[in-house]
Protein backbone atom coordinates (compact mmCIF):
# COMPACT_ATOMS: atom_id res chain seq x y z
CA MET A 1 -109.75 70.19 172.92
CA GLU A 2 -111.28 73.37 171.46
CA THR A 3 -109.34 75.54 173.92
CA ALA A 4 -106.11 73.81 173.00
CA MET A 5 -106.85 74.40 169.31
CA ARG A 6 -107.52 78.11 169.90
CA LEU A 7 -104.37 78.44 171.97
CA SER A 8 -102.35 76.72 169.24
CA LEU A 9 -103.78 79.03 166.54
CA ALA A 10 -103.12 82.11 168.68
CA LEU A 11 -99.53 80.99 169.27
CA CYS A 12 -98.98 80.44 165.54
CA GLY A 13 -100.36 83.89 164.80
CA LEU A 14 -98.13 85.49 167.41
CA MET A 15 -95.06 83.71 166.03
CA GLY A 16 -95.94 84.95 162.54
CA LEU A 17 -96.23 88.54 163.79
CA LEU A 18 -92.90 88.30 165.61
CA ALA A 19 -91.20 86.88 162.52
CA ALA A 20 -92.62 89.65 160.36
CA ALA A 21 -91.58 92.32 162.86
CA THR A 22 -88.00 91.07 163.09
CA ALA A 23 -87.54 90.35 159.38
CA GLN A 24 -85.29 92.92 157.75
CA PRO A 25 -86.15 93.88 154.18
CA LEU A 26 -83.34 93.46 151.68
CA PRO A 27 -81.62 96.72 150.79
CA ALA A 28 -82.69 97.91 147.33
CA ALA A 29 -79.02 98.39 146.39
CA LEU A 30 -78.28 94.71 147.07
CA ILE A 31 -81.23 93.53 144.99
CA SER A 32 -80.25 95.93 142.22
CA LYS A 33 -76.66 94.67 142.29
CA CYS A 34 -77.79 91.05 141.93
CA ARG A 35 -80.39 91.83 139.30
CA GLY A 36 -77.75 93.69 137.28
CA CYS A 37 -76.37 90.29 136.22
CA HIS A 38 -79.20 87.89 137.09
CA ASP A 39 -82.27 89.70 135.78
CA SER A 40 -84.47 87.22 133.92
CA THR A 41 -84.14 89.13 130.65
CA GLN A 42 -80.59 90.58 130.78
CA SER A 43 -78.57 87.75 132.33
CA ALA A 44 -77.70 86.13 128.98
CA LYS A 45 -75.50 89.12 128.13
CA MET A 46 -73.52 88.59 131.33
CA GLY A 47 -73.14 84.82 131.00
CA ALA A 48 -75.06 84.58 134.27
CA PRO A 49 -77.94 82.23 135.10
CA ARG A 50 -81.53 83.26 135.54
CA LEU A 51 -82.33 83.00 139.24
CA ASN A 52 -86.06 83.72 139.04
CA GLY A 53 -88.13 80.75 140.19
CA GLN A 54 -85.09 78.82 141.42
CA SER A 55 -85.49 76.85 144.67
CA ALA A 56 -84.61 78.93 147.74
CA ASP A 57 -82.82 75.93 149.27
CA TYR A 58 -80.72 75.47 146.15
CA LEU A 59 -79.91 79.19 145.90
CA THR A 60 -78.89 79.32 149.56
CA ALA A 61 -76.55 76.36 149.11
CA ARG A 62 -75.19 77.74 145.85
CA LEU A 63 -74.47 81.18 147.31
CA ARG A 64 -72.68 79.55 150.22
CA SER A 65 -70.68 77.36 147.82
CA PHE A 66 -69.00 80.44 146.34
CA ARG A 67 -67.02 80.65 149.57
CA ASP A 68 -64.97 77.73 148.20
CA PRO A 69 -63.46 78.82 144.87
CA THR A 70 -61.92 75.38 144.29
CA VAL A 71 -65.26 73.95 143.11
CA GLN A 72 -66.32 76.90 140.92
CA SER A 73 -65.68 77.71 137.31
CA PRO A 74 -63.16 80.51 136.77
CA HIS A 75 -66.00 82.73 135.46
CA ALA A 76 -68.10 82.21 138.60
CA THR A 77 -65.14 82.74 140.91
CA PHE A 78 -64.18 85.97 139.11
CA PHE A 79 -67.66 87.45 139.36
CA MET A 80 -69.00 86.00 142.60
CA LEU A 81 -66.17 85.53 145.11
CA ASP A 82 -65.84 89.18 146.16
CA ILE A 83 -69.56 89.93 146.02
CA ASN A 84 -70.42 86.83 148.01
CA SER A 85 -67.79 87.48 150.68
CA GLU A 86 -69.78 90.58 151.67
CA LEU A 87 -72.97 88.61 152.34
CA GLY A 88 -73.91 87.29 155.76
CA ASP A 89 -76.10 84.22 156.18
CA LYS A 90 -79.22 86.36 156.70
CA ASP A 91 -78.59 88.16 153.41
CA VAL A 92 -77.97 84.87 151.62
CA ARG A 93 -81.27 83.41 152.84
CA ALA A 94 -83.17 86.61 152.06
CA LEU A 95 -81.74 86.85 148.54
CA ALA A 96 -82.52 83.20 147.91
CA ARG A 97 -86.11 83.74 149.02
CA TYR A 98 -86.42 86.91 146.91
CA PHE A 99 -85.35 85.17 143.68
CA ALA A 100 -87.31 82.01 144.47
CA ASP A 101 -90.47 84.12 144.74
CA GLN A 102 -90.03 85.57 141.24
CA PRO A 103 -92.00 83.84 138.43
CA ALA A 104 -89.96 81.16 136.68
CA THR A 105 -89.07 81.36 133.00
CA GLU A 106 -90.37 78.36 131.07
CA SER A 107 -88.32 76.54 128.45
CA ALA A 108 -89.15 76.89 124.77
CA PRO A 109 -87.93 73.74 123.00
CA SER A 110 -88.01 73.67 119.21
CA GLY A 111 -86.41 71.79 116.36
CA LYS A 112 -84.89 68.36 115.87
CA ALA A 113 -82.16 68.88 118.48
CA ALA A 114 -84.79 69.68 121.14
CA ALA A 115 -86.65 66.44 120.34
CA GLU A 116 -83.40 64.52 120.82
CA GLY A 117 -82.75 66.46 124.03
CA ASP A 118 -86.21 65.52 125.30
CA GLY A 119 -85.36 61.82 125.00
CA LEU A 120 -81.92 62.28 126.54
CA TYR A 121 -83.32 64.36 129.40
CA HIS A 122 -86.02 61.85 130.33
CA TYR A 123 -84.38 58.53 129.46
CA GLY A 124 -80.63 59.11 129.16
CA GLY A 125 -78.59 57.26 126.57
CA ASP A 126 -75.09 56.33 125.42
CA GLY A 127 -73.72 56.08 128.95
CA VAL A 128 -75.51 59.23 130.13
CA ALA A 129 -78.09 58.94 132.89
CA SER A 130 -81.47 60.64 132.78
CA CYS A 131 -81.42 64.26 133.98
CA GLU A 132 -85.00 63.95 135.21
CA SER A 133 -84.10 61.91 138.28
CA CYS A 134 -82.40 64.93 139.92
CA HIS A 135 -83.75 67.96 138.05
CA GLY A 136 -87.42 66.94 137.92
CA ALA A 137 -89.78 65.83 135.15
CA LYS A 138 -89.86 69.29 133.58
CA GLY A 139 -86.48 70.63 134.66
CA GLU A 140 -88.11 72.44 137.59
CA GLY A 141 -85.36 71.39 140.01
CA SER A 142 -85.49 70.32 143.64
CA ALA A 143 -83.95 71.46 146.90
CA GLY A 144 -80.62 69.91 145.94
CA ALA A 145 -80.65 70.35 142.17
CA PRO A 146 -81.25 73.60 140.31
CA ARG A 147 -84.09 74.51 138.01
CA ILE A 148 -82.59 74.17 134.53
CA ALA A 149 -85.71 74.67 132.43
CA GLY A 150 -85.85 78.17 130.99
CA GLN A 151 -82.15 78.95 131.40
CA HIS A 152 -80.18 80.68 128.65
CA SER A 153 -78.72 78.24 126.14
CA ALA A 154 -75.20 79.71 126.37
CA TYR A 155 -75.25 79.40 130.16
CA LEU A 156 -76.49 75.78 130.09
CA ARG A 157 -73.91 74.80 127.49
CA ALA A 158 -71.10 76.49 129.45
CA GLN A 159 -72.07 74.72 132.69
CA LEU A 160 -72.26 71.29 131.04
CA GLU A 161 -68.86 71.89 129.45
CA ASP A 162 -67.37 73.18 132.72
CA PHE A 163 -68.60 70.11 134.60
CA SER A 164 -67.26 67.85 131.86
CA MET A 165 -63.80 69.47 131.86
CA LEU A 166 -63.77 69.69 135.67
CA THR A 167 -63.38 73.47 135.60
CA ARG A 168 -66.48 73.38 137.83
CA PHE A 169 -66.73 70.38 140.10
CA HIS A 170 -69.81 68.56 141.35
CA ALA A 171 -69.52 64.84 142.13
CA GLY A 172 -72.69 63.82 140.29
CA MET A 173 -72.65 66.30 137.42
CA SER A 174 -68.95 66.01 136.65
CA ARG A 175 -69.28 62.23 136.43
CA GLN A 176 -72.37 62.41 134.18
CA THR A 177 -71.10 65.07 131.82
CA ARG A 178 -67.78 63.28 131.24
CA MET A 179 -69.81 60.86 129.12
CA MET A 180 -71.56 63.56 127.04
CA ASN A 181 -70.50 64.53 123.56
CA ALA A 182 -71.02 67.94 121.94
CA ASP A 183 -74.20 66.82 120.14
CA GLN A 184 -75.79 65.63 123.39
CA ILE A 185 -74.94 68.91 125.11
CA ALA A 186 -76.46 70.82 122.18
CA ALA A 187 -79.60 68.65 122.28
CA LEU A 188 -80.12 69.11 126.03
CA THR A 189 -79.56 72.83 125.68
CA ALA A 190 -82.10 73.06 122.83
CA TYR A 191 -84.64 71.16 124.91
CA LEU A 192 -84.22 73.09 128.18
CA ALA A 193 -83.35 76.65 127.20
CA LYS A 194 -85.23 79.81 126.49
CA ASP A 195 -83.31 82.72 125.01
């Protein structure tokens, strides 16, 4: 039993060394290109989301989704289609891991609208389902749903509006946002965002 345990540990260590030896670091130019729009502090100016602290699984799926412009907003297609077409699957996974490993930005709710957004986020209302069931208790996201806490308010508002108007399509989000009015979108944005 002890020999089997030692052999198993040695094998795990060897696999780790092989993975580290074959892993290719991301080119600095590629990281710089992505950070030019998606830096945690500058991305609001570009209308781009913060990627820091986002789930690697979600980012991988999202980057791959840009290969189909029919489900993207015109803004996303304009900025991401060409850039994304240059990325291979290894680059996509490495970029997703890079941004997932960056510290997440926390939301900073304040005011009456944020209090209303808190209730809407956790409990839903007026034909709108709770956001918490997919995006987590604190907006931290999951493998299939993005982290939305700590995003820029303009970006969150634009995405909710795009889903609602079907200029960006997602089966669940487009259905949910069709029921939202402008005040609910403003309240959710005030609750989740940090500018």
